[in-house]
C-alpha cells in the first residue's frame, strides 16, 4: 500500500465482502482499529505503518519499542 488511507480503504473493502472468513474478518477488524488510531495520533504522517509501528504506537512501554540514544 502507498498510504495509510489506501490501507484503511482496502481493509474496509475486505470487511464489506460477505465471503471473508471469520478469522480474516477478526484480523482485519483489529488492524483497521490500529490503523485508525495511527491516523488519529499521527495526522501529518501518511505512510503505511508497519505492524511494529502500529504495535509500538499502542504499546510504547514494550521492550520492543524502546529507543536508545548514544
N, C-alpha and C. Protein backbone atom coordinates (compact mmCIF):
# COMPACT_ATOMS: atom_id res chain seq x y z
N UNK A 1 0.84 -1.18 0.00
CA UNK A 1 0.00 0.00 0.00
C UNK A 1 0.89 1.25 0.00
N UNK A 2 0.40 2.26 -0.69
CA UNK A 2 1.15 3.50 -0.78
C UNK A 2 0.95 4.39 0.44
N UNK A 3 -0.23 4.35 1.02
CA UNK A 3 -0.52 5.24 2.14
C UNK A 3 -1.44 4.54 3.14
N UNK A 4 -1.49 5.10 4.32
CA UNK A 4 -2.35 4.55 5.36
C UNK A 4 -3.82 4.67 4.96
N UNK A 5 -4.15 5.72 4.23
CA UNK A 5 -5.53 5.91 3.79
C UNK A 5 -5.97 4.79 2.83
N UNK A 6 -5.07 4.41 1.92
CA UNK A 6 -5.38 3.32 0.99
C UNK A 6 -5.50 1.99 1.74
N UNK A 7 -4.67 1.81 2.76
CA UNK A 7 -4.73 0.58 3.55
C UNK A 7 -6.07 0.50 4.29
N UNK A 8 -6.52 1.60 4.83
CA UNK A 8 -7.81 1.64 5.52
C UNK A 8 -8.94 1.30 4.55
N UNK A 9 -8.90 1.88 3.36
CA UNK A 9 -9.92 1.58 2.34
C UNK A 9 -9.91 0.10 1.97
N UNK A 10 -8.71 -0.46 1.83
CA UNK A 10 -8.58 -1.89 1.50
C UNK A 10 -9.18 -2.76 2.59
N UNK A 11 -8.88 -2.44 3.85
CA UNK A 11 -9.43 -3.21 4.96
C UNK A 11 -10.95 -3.11 5.01
N UNK A 12 -11.50 -1.94 4.75
CA UNK A 12 -12.95 -1.77 4.75
C UNK A 12 -13.58 -2.60 3.63
N UNK A 13 -12.90 -2.68 2.50
CA UNK A 13 -13.39 -3.49 1.38
C UNK A 13 -13.43 -4.97 1.76
N UNK A 14 -12.41 -5.43 2.48
CA UNK A 14 -12.39 -6.83 2.94
C UNK A 14 -13.55 -7.08 3.88
N UNK A 15 -13.80 -6.14 4.80
CA UNK A 15 -14.88 -6.32 5.77
C UNK A 15 -16.26 -6.27 5.12
N UNK A 16 -16.39 -5.57 4.00
CA UNK A 16 -17.66 -5.49 3.29
C UNK A 16 -17.97 -6.76 2.49
N UNK A 17 -16.95 -7.59 2.27
CA UNK A 17 -17.12 -8.82 1.49
C UNK A 17 -17.75 -9.91 2.37
N UNK A 18 -18.94 -10.38 2.02
CA UNK A 18 -19.60 -11.40 2.86
C UNK A 18 -18.88 -12.75 2.83
N UNK A 19 -17.98 -12.95 1.89
CA UNK A 19 -17.26 -14.23 1.79
C UNK A 19 -15.98 -14.25 2.61
N UNK A 20 -15.65 -13.16 3.28
CA UNK A 20 -14.45 -13.10 4.11
C UNK A 20 -14.62 -14.06 5.29
N UNK A 21 -13.60 -14.88 5.53
CA UNK A 21 -13.67 -15.86 6.63
C UNK A 21 -13.69 -15.16 7.98
N UNK A 22 -14.23 -15.80 9.00
CA UNK A 22 -14.27 -15.18 10.33
C UNK A 22 -12.88 -14.83 10.86
N UNK A 23 -11.89 -15.68 10.57
CA UNK A 23 -10.53 -15.40 11.02
C UNK A 23 -9.96 -14.16 10.34
N UNK A 24 -10.15 -14.07 9.03
CA UNK A 24 -9.67 -12.91 8.29
C UNK A 24 -10.42 -11.65 8.71
N UNK A 25 -11.69 -11.78 8.98
CA UNK A 25 -12.50 -10.65 9.43
C UNK A 25 -11.99 -10.13 10.77
N UNK A 26 -11.72 -11.04 11.71
CA UNK A 26 -11.23 -10.65 13.03
C UNK A 26 -9.88 -9.94 12.92
N UNK A 27 -8.97 -10.49 12.12
CA UNK A 27 -7.66 -9.88 11.93
C UNK A 27 -7.79 -8.50 11.30
N UNK A 28 -8.63 -8.40 10.29
CA UNK A 28 -8.80 -7.13 9.57
C UNK A 28 -9.44 -6.08 10.47
N UNK A 29 -10.40 -6.48 11.28
CA UNK A 29 -11.03 -5.53 12.21
C UNK A 29 -10.01 -4.97 13.19
N UNK A 30 -9.15 -5.85 13.74
CA UNK A 30 -8.11 -5.40 14.68
C UNK A 30 -7.12 -4.47 13.99
N UNK A 31 -6.74 -4.82 12.76
CA UNK A 31 -5.81 -4.00 12.01
C UNK A 31 -6.43 -2.64 11.69
N UNK A 32 -7.69 -2.62 11.33
CA UNK A 32 -8.38 -1.38 11.00
C UNK A 32 -8.45 -0.45 12.21
N UNK A 33 -8.72 -1.00 13.37
CA UNK A 33 -8.74 -0.20 14.60
C UNK A 33 -7.36 0.42 14.84
N UNK A 34 -6.31 -0.37 14.69
CA UNK A 34 -4.95 0.13 14.90
C UNK A 34 -4.59 1.21 13.87
N UNK A 35 -5.00 1.01 12.62
CA UNK A 35 -4.71 2.00 11.58
C UNK A 35 -5.44 3.31 11.83
N UNK A 36 -6.70 3.22 12.25
CA UNK A 36 -7.46 4.44 12.52
C UNK A 36 -6.89 5.18 13.73
N UNK A 37 -6.41 4.44 14.71
CA UNK A 37 -5.76 5.06 15.87
C UNK A 37 -4.45 5.73 15.43
N UNK A 38 -3.72 5.08 14.51
CA UNK A 38 -2.47 5.64 13.99
C UNK A 38 -2.75 7.00 13.33
N UNK A 39 -3.78 7.05 12.50
CA UNK A 39 -4.14 8.29 11.80
C UNK A 39 -4.51 9.38 12.82
N UNK A 40 -5.22 8.98 13.86
CA UNK A 40 -5.61 9.92 14.90
C UNK A 40 -4.38 10.48 15.63
N UNK A 41 -3.41 9.61 15.92
CA UNK A 41 -2.21 10.02 16.65
C UNK A 41 -1.16 10.70 15.78
N UNK A 42 -1.18 10.43 14.48
CA UNK A 42 -0.18 10.97 13.55
C UNK A 42 -0.87 11.56 12.31
N UNK A 43 -1.63 12.63 12.47
CA UNK A 43 -2.40 13.15 11.33
C UNK A 43 -1.54 13.65 10.17
N UNK A 44 -0.31 14.03 10.44
CA UNK A 44 0.55 14.55 9.38
C UNK A 44 1.31 13.44 8.65
N UNK A 45 1.28 12.23 9.16
CA UNK A 45 2.04 11.11 8.60
C UNK A 45 1.12 10.23 7.77
N UNK A 46 1.39 10.14 6.47
CA UNK A 46 0.51 9.39 5.57
C UNK A 46 1.12 8.09 5.06
N UNK A 47 2.33 7.74 5.55
CA UNK A 47 2.91 6.48 5.07
C UNK A 47 2.17 5.30 5.69
N UNK A 48 2.25 4.16 5.06
CA UNK A 48 1.60 2.96 5.55
C UNK A 48 2.47 2.36 6.65
N UNK A 49 2.03 2.41 7.91
CA UNK A 49 2.87 1.92 9.00
C UNK A 49 3.01 0.40 9.00
N UNK A 50 4.15 -0.05 9.48
CA UNK A 50 4.37 -1.50 9.61
C UNK A 50 3.64 -2.02 10.84
N UNK A 51 3.60 -3.31 10.96
CA UNK A 51 2.96 -3.93 12.13
C UNK A 51 3.67 -3.51 13.42
N UNK A 52 4.99 -3.41 13.36
CA UNK A 52 5.74 -2.98 14.55
C UNK A 52 5.41 -1.54 14.91
N UNK A 53 5.28 -0.66 13.93
CA UNK A 53 4.92 0.73 14.21
C UNK A 53 3.53 0.81 14.85
N UNK A 54 2.60 0.03 14.36
CA UNK A 54 1.26 0.01 14.94
C UNK A 54 1.30 -0.52 16.37
N UNK A 55 2.07 -1.57 16.59
CA UNK A 55 2.19 -2.15 17.93
C UNK A 55 2.81 -1.14 18.89
N UNK A 56 3.89 -0.51 18.48
CA UNK A 56 4.57 0.45 19.35
C UNK A 56 3.74 1.71 19.59
N UNK A 57 2.90 2.07 18.65
CA UNK A 57 2.02 3.22 18.85
C UNK A 57 1.04 2.93 19.99
N UNK A 58 0.61 1.68 20.10
CA UNK A 58 -0.33 1.28 21.14
C UNK A 58 0.36 0.85 22.44
N UNK A 59 1.63 0.43 22.33
CA UNK A 59 2.37 -0.10 23.48
C UNK A 59 3.77 0.51 23.57
N UNK A 60 3.87 1.81 23.80
CA UNK A 60 5.20 2.45 23.77
C UNK A 60 6.15 1.96 24.86
N UNK A 61 5.62 1.36 25.92
CA UNK A 61 6.47 0.89 27.01
C UNK A 61 7.03 -0.51 26.78
N UNK A 62 6.62 -1.17 25.73
CA UNK A 62 7.07 -2.53 25.44
C UNK A 62 8.57 -2.54 25.13
N UNK A 63 9.27 -3.59 25.56
CA UNK A 63 10.72 -3.67 25.30
C UNK A 63 11.08 -3.55 23.83
N UNK A 64 10.22 -4.06 22.95
CA UNK A 64 10.49 -4.00 21.51
C UNK A 64 10.47 -2.57 20.97
N UNK A 65 9.87 -1.65 21.75
CA UNK A 65 9.63 -0.30 21.26
C UNK A 65 10.59 0.73 21.87
N UNK A 66 11.49 0.28 22.71
CA UNK A 66 12.42 1.20 23.33
C UNK A 66 13.38 1.77 22.31
N UNK A 67 13.68 3.05 22.49
CA UNK A 67 14.65 3.73 21.63
C UNK A 67 15.79 4.20 22.51
N UNK A 68 16.99 3.80 22.15
CA UNK A 68 18.17 4.18 22.92
C UNK A 68 18.96 5.22 22.16
N UNK A 69 19.41 6.22 22.87
CA UNK A 69 20.24 7.27 22.27
C UNK A 69 21.66 7.11 22.77
N UNK A 70 22.61 7.32 21.87
CA UNK A 70 24.04 7.21 22.25
C UNK A 70 24.52 8.46 22.93
